Amino acid sequence: MKDTSNIYIYNAKAVTETEVIESAIVLIKDGVIAHIGQAMDIDSLPADILALDAEGSYLVPGFIDLHVHGGAGADFMDDDPLAAARVCRFHVKHGTTGLLMTTRTVPAEVASAAVERLGQYVQQPDPYGAVPLGIHLEGPFLNEQFKGAQNADDLLPPSVDWAERWIRLSGETLRLCTLAPELEGADVLISWLAEQGVIVSAGHCGPNHDEMKRAIDRGVRHITHCFNGMRGFTHREPGMLAALLMDDRVAAELIMDTIHVHPASGQLLFHNKGTAGTVLITDASRATGMPDGEYPGPAGRKLTVKSGIVRLPTGELAGSTLTMNRAVGNAVQHMGLSLVEAVCIASLTPARKLGIDNRTGSLVPGKSADLVMLDSKFDVRLTLLGGRIVYQSESSGFGLQLPS
């Protein structure tokens, strides 16, 4: 029997932080990347090692999605102990090896139950799903004028008391909080969250230019789905957009499905923020991976999916059906990024935001073997978590025995 704790991948195109290594060899030992290169001493390999021919496929670091709500018909807010595992198993099939489980605006007590449930899932996750790296609290401290698909009835003013309660209920797993920095009380909350080590993100908001600059000085370091659910730019009132584009302390999320954001707008963001400040996300809804039709939405409203576009009955966009492998493909095909750049803003940059880039996010010896094999169409052939093969596509040809 082959030893699946040690894996030898050959004939791959390995995408590192700086280049694509053709005809690459990657050796995994005990869940860690042990070697990357174009040659090694084959005689030194154990006889029972699992050898996989990549057949020219790309080998990339696993993607890290900082903003994802659901998939495969499930949502992280579902009062169902199996929902989180279902979402994580779905996204691992599309190259996501780590994610932040993202909430939405609901009644405060419902939010309390949700963050407690999700915090427990962080402690005991499904071993064959994307790793839950914590919770992204999207709401309820949002501006009603820019609420998008968030429920206005459940919005709250910024509150340290509520934030402190949710951090405690989550088991200290709250990693990112989206709020509107222009609201009364936001200054205090931004400073407090930053002191707790929570990434503070401006989203569903409309601060003017000066308000945004002050918020950044107080601790805002992230922008939630840039260009969506936020004040726009004009030459007389540049608003938050000019402030975030010109400040290197701030990174910005990008939903590159070509629906939420035109590729030219994505290019503008990347031109200003580069790989260090651009983060690909999905904002995926429960309808991701599902056929067109109607699905349960927030506050009892229906989500209507047509041609893969998710909308509320009012016509507003309500999340996406995007997956991370498609986001990377779109960044290459529609934004003109190199594969190295696109992979970086889907893997290494979010890992750096979370402070885990010392152990994951790029193909570097010594890092965890969180890896994805992509074909030329950006379809996922294989996903590994810590060197464990957790997904193989039916067309991969590897024929490995994996749990159902």
Protein backbone atom coordinates (compact mmCIF):
# COMPACT_ATOMS: atom_id res chain seq x y z
CA MET A 1 0.00 0.00 0.00
CA LYS A 2 1.28 3.44 -0.87
CA ASP A 3 2.20 5.77 2.00
CA THR A 4 -0.09 8.80 1.56
CA SER A 5 1.72 10.77 4.28
CA ASN A 6 4.61 11.08 1.80
CA ILE A 7 3.71 12.21 -1.72
CA TYR A 8 5.89 12.78 -4.75
CA ILE A 9 4.30 15.00 -7.42
CA TYR A 10 6.14 15.29 -10.72
CA ASN A 11 5.64 16.84 -14.15
CA ALA A 12 3.90 19.85 -12.56
CA LYS A 13 3.99 23.58 -13.24
CA ALA A 14 4.65 24.82 -9.71
CA VAL A 15 3.43 28.38 -9.07
CA THR A 16 5.64 29.95 -6.41
CA GLU A 17 5.62 33.49 -5.00
CA THR A 18 7.79 34.71 -7.87
CA GLU A 19 7.67 32.30 -10.81
CA VAL A 20 6.21 29.26 -12.51
CA ILE A 21 8.64 26.33 -12.34
CA GLU A 22 8.15 24.14 -15.39
CA SER A 23 8.47 20.34 -15.14
CA ALA A 24 8.56 20.72 -11.39
CA ILE A 25 8.94 18.11 -8.70
CA VAL A 26 7.29 18.62 -5.33
CA LEU A 27 7.97 16.31 -2.41
CA ILE A 28 5.65 16.23 0.59
CA LYS A 29 6.76 14.59 3.83
CA ASP A 30 4.51 14.29 6.87
CA GLY A 31 2.19 17.01 5.63
CA VAL A 32 4.91 19.56 4.89
CA ILE A 33 6.47 20.70 1.62
CA ALA A 34 9.95 19.17 1.70
CA HIS A 35 11.26 20.00 -1.78
CA ILE A 36 10.37 22.04 -4.85
CA GLY A 37 12.51 22.02 -7.95
CA GLN A 38 13.19 20.50 -11.33
CA ALA A 39 15.32 17.62 -10.11
CA MET A 40 16.08 15.48 -7.09
CA ASP A 41 17.65 12.17 -6.22
CA ILE A 42 14.94 9.64 -7.11
CA ASP A 43 16.88 6.82 -5.42
CA SER A 44 16.37 8.52 -2.05
CA LEU A 45 12.59 8.16 -2.20
CA PRO A 46 10.92 5.43 -0.15
CA ALA A 47 9.60 2.56 -2.26
CA ASP A 48 6.08 2.92 -0.87
CA ILE A 49 5.75 6.66 -1.54
CA LEU A 50 2.66 7.83 -3.44
CA ALA A 51 3.81 9.20 -6.80
CA LEU A 52 1.42 11.40 -8.79
CA ASP A 53 1.97 12.54 -12.37
CA ALA A 54 0.55 16.08 -12.67
CA GLU A 55 0.64 15.75 -16.46
CA GLY A 56 1.57 19.40 -16.85
CA SER A 57 -1.11 20.74 -14.50
CA TYR A 58 -0.47 23.79 -12.35
CA LEU A 59 0.35 23.18 -8.69
CA VAL A 60 -0.63 26.20 -6.58
CA PRO A 61 -0.98 26.98 -2.89
CA GLY A 62 -4.49 26.44 -1.55
CA PHE A 63 -6.77 29.46 -1.77
CA ILE A 64 -7.87 31.38 1.33
CA ASP A 65 -11.29 33.03 1.12
CA LEU A 66 -11.81 35.81 3.67
CA HIS A 67 -15.44 36.40 2.69
CA VAL A 68 -17.76 33.46 2.01
CA HIS A 69 -21.31 32.86 3.21
CA GLY A 70 -22.25 29.49 1.79
CA GLY A 71 -22.42 26.98 -1.01
CA ALA A 72 -24.05 23.71 -2.08
CA GLY A 73 -27.42 24.90 -0.75
CA ALA A 74 -26.12 25.65 2.76
CA ASP A 75 -25.24 28.86 4.60
CA PHE A 76 -23.01 29.45 7.61
CA MET A 77 -25.96 31.16 9.30
CA ASP A 78 -28.18 28.06 9.03
CA ASP A 79 -29.28 26.68 12.40
CA ASP A 80 -28.03 23.28 11.34
CA PRO A 81 -24.95 21.56 12.80
CA LEU A 82 -24.12 20.08 9.39
CA ALA A 83 -24.34 23.32 7.38
CA ALA A 84 -20.79 24.54 8.01
CA ALA A 85 -19.29 21.19 7.06
CA ARG A 86 -21.36 21.12 3.88
CA VAL A 87 -20.12 24.55 2.85
CA CYS A 88 -16.49 23.74 3.67
CA ARG A 89 -16.60 20.44 1.78
CA PHE A 90 -18.04 22.20 -1.25
CA HIS A 91 -15.39 24.91 -1.39
CA VAL A 92 -12.46 22.54 -0.89
CA LYS A 93 -13.49 21.00 -4.22
CA HIS A 94 -12.86 24.39 -5.79
CA GLY A 95 -9.41 24.93 -4.35
CA THR A 96 -10.23 26.73 -1.10
CA THR A 97 -8.16 25.23 1.71
CA GLY A 98 -8.93 27.89 4.33
CA LEU A 99 -11.75 30.39 4.83
CA LEU A 100 -13.44 32.82 7.18
CA MET A 101 -17.03 31.79 7.85
CA THR A 102 -18.97 34.97 7.14
CA THR A 103 -22.14 36.08 8.91
CA ARG A 104 -24.77 38.57 7.81
CA THR A 105 -27.04 41.05 9.55
CA VAL A 106 -29.64 39.23 11.65
CA PRO A 107 -31.29 39.91 15.02
CA ALA A 108 -28.60 40.24 17.68
CA GLU A 109 -29.59 37.12 19.58
CA VAL A 110 -29.63 35.09 16.36
CA ALA A 111 -26.14 36.42 15.63
CA SER A 112 -25.08 35.34 19.12
CA ALA A 113 -26.25 31.78 18.51
CA ALA A 114 -24.57 31.73 15.10
CA VAL A 115 -21.14 32.90 16.23
CA GLU A 116 -21.22 30.43 19.11
CA ARG A 117 -22.09 27.59 16.74
CA LEU A 118 -19.42 28.63 14.23
CA GLY A 119 -16.83 29.03 16.97
CA GLN A 120 -17.49 25.45 18.01
CA TYR A 121 -17.05 24.33 14.40
CA VAL A 122 -13.61 25.97 14.32
CA GLN A 123 -12.62 23.68 17.20
CA GLN A 124 -13.96 20.50 15.54
CA PRO A 125 -14.06 21.00 11.77
CA ASP A 126 -14.77 18.44 9.09
CA PRO A 127 -11.35 17.01 8.18
CA TYR A 128 -12.31 16.84 4.50
CA GLY A 129 -13.50 20.44 4.17
CA ALA A 130 -11.75 23.77 3.86
CA VAL A 131 -10.22 24.73 7.20
CA PRO A 132 -12.33 27.30 9.11
CA LEU A 133 -9.77 29.94 10.04
CA GLY A 134 -12.25 31.98 12.06
CA ILE A 135 -15.32 34.16 11.67
CA HIS A 136 -15.92 37.26 9.55
CA LEU A 137 -18.67 39.35 11.15
CA GLU A 138 -20.36 41.22 8.30
CA GLY A 139 -22.84 43.44 10.12
CA PRO A 140 -24.82 44.55 11.99
CA PHE A 141 -22.78 47.77 12.37
CA LEU A 142 -23.55 48.97 8.83
CA ASN A 143 -24.94 52.09 7.15
CA GLU A 144 -28.54 51.53 6.06
CA GLN A 145 -27.99 53.67 2.97
CA PHE A 146 -25.39 51.17 1.72
CA LYS A 147 -26.85 47.98 3.21
CA GLY A 148 -27.18 46.12 -0.11
CA ALA A 149 -28.75 42.74 0.62
CA GLN A 150 -28.31 43.14 4.39
CA ASN A 151 -31.53 43.39 6.41
CA ALA A 152 -32.16 47.00 7.52
CA ASP A 153 -34.42 46.03 10.44
CA ASP A 154 -31.56 44.29 12.24
CA LEU A 155 -28.85 46.91 11.84
CA LEU A 156 -27.30 48.20 15.07
CA PRO A 157 -25.12 51.18 15.93
CA PRO A 158 -21.48 50.26 16.56
CA SER A 159 -21.21 48.71 20.01
CA VAL A 160 -18.19 47.48 21.94
CA ASP A 161 -20.56 45.58 24.25
CA TRP A 162 -22.02 43.50 21.44
CA ALA A 163 -18.64 42.97 19.81
CA GLU A 164 -17.13 41.84 23.10
CA ARG A 165 -20.02 39.42 23.63
CA TRP A 166 -19.66 37.92 20.16
CA ILE A 167 -15.90 37.51 20.51
CA ARG A 168 -16.46 35.65 23.77
CA LEU A 169 -19.25 33.47 22.38
CA SER A 170 -17.13 32.63 19.33
CA GLY A 171 -14.39 31.26 21.54
CA GLU A 172 -12.08 34.10 20.48
CA THR A 173 -12.36 33.04 16.83
CA LEU A 174 -13.63 36.36 15.42
CA ARG A 175 -10.93 37.40 12.95
CA LEU A 176 -12.51 40.15 10.83
CA CYS A 177 -15.32 42.64 11.39
CA THR A 178 -17.02 44.70 8.69
CA LEU A 179 -18.49 48.01 9.87
CA ALA A 180 -19.39 51.50 8.66
CA PRO A 181 -16.68 53.82 10.04
CA GLU A 182 -18.77 56.99 9.62
CA LEU A 183 -21.45 55.89 12.11
CA GLU A 184 -21.57 57.35 15.60
CA GLY A 185 -19.61 55.13 17.96
CA ALA A 186 -17.52 53.55 15.19
CA ASP A 187 -14.32 55.35 16.22
CA VAL A 188 -14.37 53.72 19.65
CA LEU A 189 -15.23 50.29 18.23
CA ILE A 190 -12.51 50.46 15.56
CA SER A 191 -9.85 51.22 18.15
CA TRP A 192 -11.13 48.53 20.52
CA LEU A 193 -11.30 45.82 17.83
CA ALA A 194 -7.82 46.67 16.60
CA GLU A 195 -6.54 46.27 20.17
CA GLN A 196 -8.13 42.81 20.29
CA GLY A 197 -6.28 41.78 17.12
CA VAL A 198 -9.43 41.73 14.99
CA ILE A 199 -9.02 42.97 11.40
CA VAL A 200 -11.32 45.99 11.02
CA SER A 201 -12.89 46.35 7.57
CA ALA A 202 -14.88 49.23 6.13
CA GLY A 203 -17.91 47.98 4.24
CA HIS A 204 -21.56 48.76 3.50
CA CYS A 205 -20.60 52.32 4.28
CA GLY A 206 -20.28 55.84 2.94
CA PRO A 207 -17.58 57.81 4.73
CA ASN A 208 -16.31 60.90 2.98
CA HIS A 209 -12.63 61.24 2.19
CA ASP A 210 -11.62 62.78 5.51
CA GLU A 211 -13.74 60.34 7.54
CA MET A 212 -12.10 57.41 5.79
CA LYS A 213 -8.61 58.78 6.40
CA ARG A 214 -9.41 59.16 10.11
CA ALA A 215 -10.81 55.62 10.23
CA ILE A 216 -7.62 54.24 8.72
CA ASP A 217 -5.56 56.13 11.28
CA ARG A 218 -7.72 54.55 14.02
CA GLY A 219 -7.21 51.02 12.74
CA VAL A 220 -9.22 50.17 9.61
CA ARG A 221 -6.96 47.90 7.56
CA HIS A 222 -9.36 46.21 5.15
CA ILE A 223 -12.15 46.99 2.70
CA THR A 224 -15.12 44.66 2.25
CA HIS A 225 -15.95 43.82 -1.40
CA CYS A 226 -14.43 47.01 -2.80
CA PHE A 227 -16.69 49.05 -5.12
CA ASN A 228 -19.79 47.21 -3.85
CA GLY A 229 -21.95 48.54 -1.03
CA MET A 230 -19.93 51.75 -0.65
CA ARG A 231 -19.88 55.43 -1.55
CA GLY A 232 -18.70 56.08 -5.08
CA PHE A 233 -16.00 58.41 -6.37
CA THR A 234 -16.40 61.85 -7.86
CA HIS A 235 -13.73 64.39 -8.64
CA ARG A 236 -15.13 66.87 -6.09
CA GLU A 237 -15.79 64.31 -3.36
CA PRO A 238 -13.31 61.45 -3.81
CA GLY A 239 -14.85 59.69 -0.82
CA MET A 240 -13.48 56.52 0.73
CA LEU A 241 -12.21 55.13 -2.58
CA ALA A 242 -9.43 57.67 -3.02
CA ALA A 243 -8.39 57.27 0.62
CA LEU A 244 -8.12 53.49 0.44
CA LEU A 245 -6.40 53.46 -2.94
CA MET A 246 -3.67 55.79 -1.74
CA ASP A 247 -2.95 54.21 1.65
CA ASP A 248 -0.68 51.17 1.70
CA ARG A 249 -1.93 50.19 5.15
CA VAL A 250 -5.24 49.05 3.67
CA ALA A 251 -6.02 45.92 1.66
CA ALA A 252 -9.19 45.56 -0.37
CA GLU A 253 -11.39 42.59 -1.25
CA LEU A 254 -12.37 42.03 -4.87
CA ILE A 255 -15.25 39.89 -6.16
CA MET A 256 -13.91 39.14 -9.62
CA ASP A 257 -16.90 37.39 -11.16
CA THR A 258 -17.16 40.21 -13.78
CA ILE A 259 -20.69 40.85 -12.46
CA HIS A 260 -20.07 42.66 -9.19
CA VAL A 261 -17.06 44.50 -10.58
CA HIS A 262 -16.06 45.34 -14.15
CA PRO A 263 -12.59 43.98 -14.95
CA ALA A 264 -11.34 47.53 -15.59
CA SER A 265 -12.31 48.48 -12.05
CA GLY A 266 -10.44 45.42 -10.83
CA GLN A 267 -7.43 46.56 -12.84
CA LEU A 268 -7.66 50.00 -11.24
CA LEU A 269 -7.66 48.45 -7.79
CA PHE A 270 -4.74 46.15 -8.56
CA HIS A 271 -2.78 48.96 -10.24
CA ASN A 272 -2.96 50.92 -6.98
CA LYS A 273 -2.83 48.13 -4.39
CA GLY A 274 -0.77 45.43 -6.12
CA THR A 275 -0.38 41.93 -4.76
CA ALA A 276 0.20 43.24 -1.23
CA GLY A 277 -3.15 45.01 -1.02
CA THR A 278 -5.58 43.12 -3.27
CA VAL A 279 -7.49 40.11 -1.94
CA LEU A 280 -9.65 37.90 -4.13
CA ILE A 281 -12.83 36.70 -2.40
CA THR A 282 -16.03 34.97 -3.49
CA ASP A 283 -18.81 36.41 -1.28
CA ALA A 284 -20.39 33.08 -2.22
CA SER A 285 -24.02 32.47 -1.28
CA ARG A 286 -25.83 29.21 -0.58
CA ALA A 287 -26.73 29.13 -4.28
CA THR A 288 -23.09 28.58 -5.27
CA GLY A 289 -22.78 25.26 -7.03
CA MET A 290 -26.56 24.99 -7.39
CA PRO A 291 -28.75 25.26 -10.49
CA ASP A 292 -30.72 28.38 -11.36
CA GLY A 293 -33.86 28.75 -9.27
CA GLU A 294 -35.08 30.12 -5.94
CA TYR A 295 -33.37 29.64 -2.59
CA PRO A 296 -33.97 30.81 0.99
CA GLY A 297 -32.52 34.26 1.54
CA PRO A 298 -32.00 36.70 4.41
CA ALA A 299 -34.94 37.75 6.60
CA GLY A 300 -37.30 35.32 4.90
CA ARG A 301 -36.70 36.79 1.45
CA LYS A 302 -36.07 34.60 -1.58
CA LEU A 303 -32.85 34.51 -3.54
CA THR A 304 -33.40 34.20 -7.26
CA VAL A 305 -30.58 32.75 -9.31
CA LYS A 306 -30.58 33.26 -13.06
CA SER A 307 -27.53 32.59 -15.24
CA GLY A 308 -25.54 32.22 -12.05
CA ILE A 309 -26.42 35.74 -10.81
CA VAL A 310 -27.99 35.96 -7.34
CA ARG A 311 -30.56 38.66 -6.65
CA LEU A 312 -33.19 39.60 -4.10
CA PRO A 313 -36.79 40.17 -5.27
CA THR A 314 -35.92 43.89 -5.35
CA GLY A 315 -33.27 43.17 -7.97
CA GLU A 316 -30.28 43.84 -5.72
CA LEU A 317 -27.27 41.57 -5.98
CA ALA A 318 -27.16 39.23 -2.97
CA GLY A 319 -23.77 37.56 -2.93
CA SER A 320 -22.38 35.48 -5.75
CA THR A 321 -22.03 31.98 -7.13
CA LEU A 322 -18.27 32.44 -7.51
CA THR A 323 -15.62 29.95 -6.41
CA MET A 324 -11.99 30.77 -5.76
CA ASN A 325 -10.63 28.80 -8.72
CA ARG A 326 -12.93 30.82 -11.00
CA ALA A 327 -11.90 34.07 -9.31
CA VAL A 328 -8.25 33.26 -10.07
CA GLY A 329 -9.12 32.33 -13.65
CA ASN A 330 -11.06 35.57 -14.13
CA ALA A 331 -8.19 37.62 -12.73
CA VAL A 332 -5.92 36.09 -15.36
CA GLN A 333 -8.34 36.04 -18.28
CA HIS A 334 -10.23 39.31 -17.73
CA MET A 335 -7.91 41.50 -15.63
CA GLY A 336 -4.70 40.50 -17.40
CA LEU A 337 -2.86 39.42 -14.26
CA SER A 338 -0.10 36.86 -14.49
CA LEU A 339 -0.84 33.50 -12.92
CA VAL A 340 1.72 34.24 -10.21
CA GLU A 341 -0.05 37.51 -9.35
CA ALA A 342 -3.54 35.98 -9.39
CA VAL A 343 -2.51 33.06 -7.20
CA CYS A 344 -0.74 35.40 -4.79
CA ILE A 345 -3.84 37.53 -4.14
CA ALA A 346 -5.90 34.37 -3.60
CA SER A 347 -3.44 32.64 -1.28
CA LEU A 348 -0.43 34.47 0.13
CA THR A 349 -2.01 37.91 0.57
CA PRO A 350 -5.00 36.67 2.60
CA ALA A 351 -2.64 34.44 4.59
CA ARG A 352 -0.60 37.52 5.44
CA LYS A 353 -3.74 39.39 6.47
CA LEU A 354 -4.51 36.59 8.92
CA GLY A 355 -0.92 36.33 10.12
CA ILE A 356 -0.55 32.70 9.04
CA ASP A 357 1.78 33.16 6.07
CA ASN A 358 4.62 31.58 8.05
CA ARG A 359 2.89 28.22 7.67
CA THR A 360 0.68 28.42 4.56
CA GLY A 361 -0.18 30.54 1.52
CA SER A 362 2.70 29.75 -0.83
CA LEU A 363 4.86 26.94 -2.17
CA VAL A 364 7.83 27.15 0.16
CA PRO A 365 9.69 24.23 1.76
CA GLY A 366 8.71 23.99 5.40
CA LYS A 367 5.17 25.26 4.89
CA SER A 368 2.10 23.09 5.20
CA ALA A 369 1.26 21.16 2.03
CA ASP A 370 -2.04 22.95 1.43
CA LEU A 371 -1.99 22.50 -2.33
CA VAL A 372 -4.27 22.57 -5.34
CA MET A 373 -3.74 21.06 -8.77
CA LEU A 374 -5.39 23.06 -11.58
CA ASP A 375 -5.76 22.22 -15.23
CA SER A 376 -5.43 24.78 -18.02
CA LYS A 377 -9.11 25.78 -17.62
CA PHE A 378 -8.63 26.43 -13.88
CA ASP A 379 -10.67 23.36 -12.96
CA VAL A 380 -9.48 21.63 -9.78
CA ARG A 381 -8.03 18.15 -10.21
CA LEU A 382 -6.74 17.62 -6.69
CA THR A 383 -6.81 19.36 -3.29
CA LEU A 384 -4.51 18.62 -0.37
CA LEU A 385 -4.83 19.83 3.23
CA GLY A 386 -1.66 19.44 5.25
CA GLY A 387 -0.50 16.81 2.78
CA ARG A 388 -3.76 14.84 2.99
CA ILE A 389 -5.60 14.36 -0.28
CA VAL A 390 -9.14 15.55 0.47
CA TYR A 391 -10.52 15.88 -3.05
CA GLN A 392 -9.90 14.51 -6.52
CA SER A 393 -12.02 15.26 -9.56
CA GLU A 394 -13.65 12.42 -11.44
CA SER A 395 -11.57 13.32 -14.49
CA SER A 396 -8.27 13.48 -12.60
CA GLY A 397 -7.41 9.89 -13.39
CA PHE A 398 -5.70 9.36 -10.03
CA GLY A 399 -8.21 6.78 -8.83
CA LEU A 400 -7.44 7.29 -5.15
CA GLN A 401 -9.69 5.93 -2.41
CA LEU A 402 -11.14 8.87 -0.49
CA PRO A 403 -14.03 9.14 2.00
CA SER A 404 -17.37 9.99 0.41
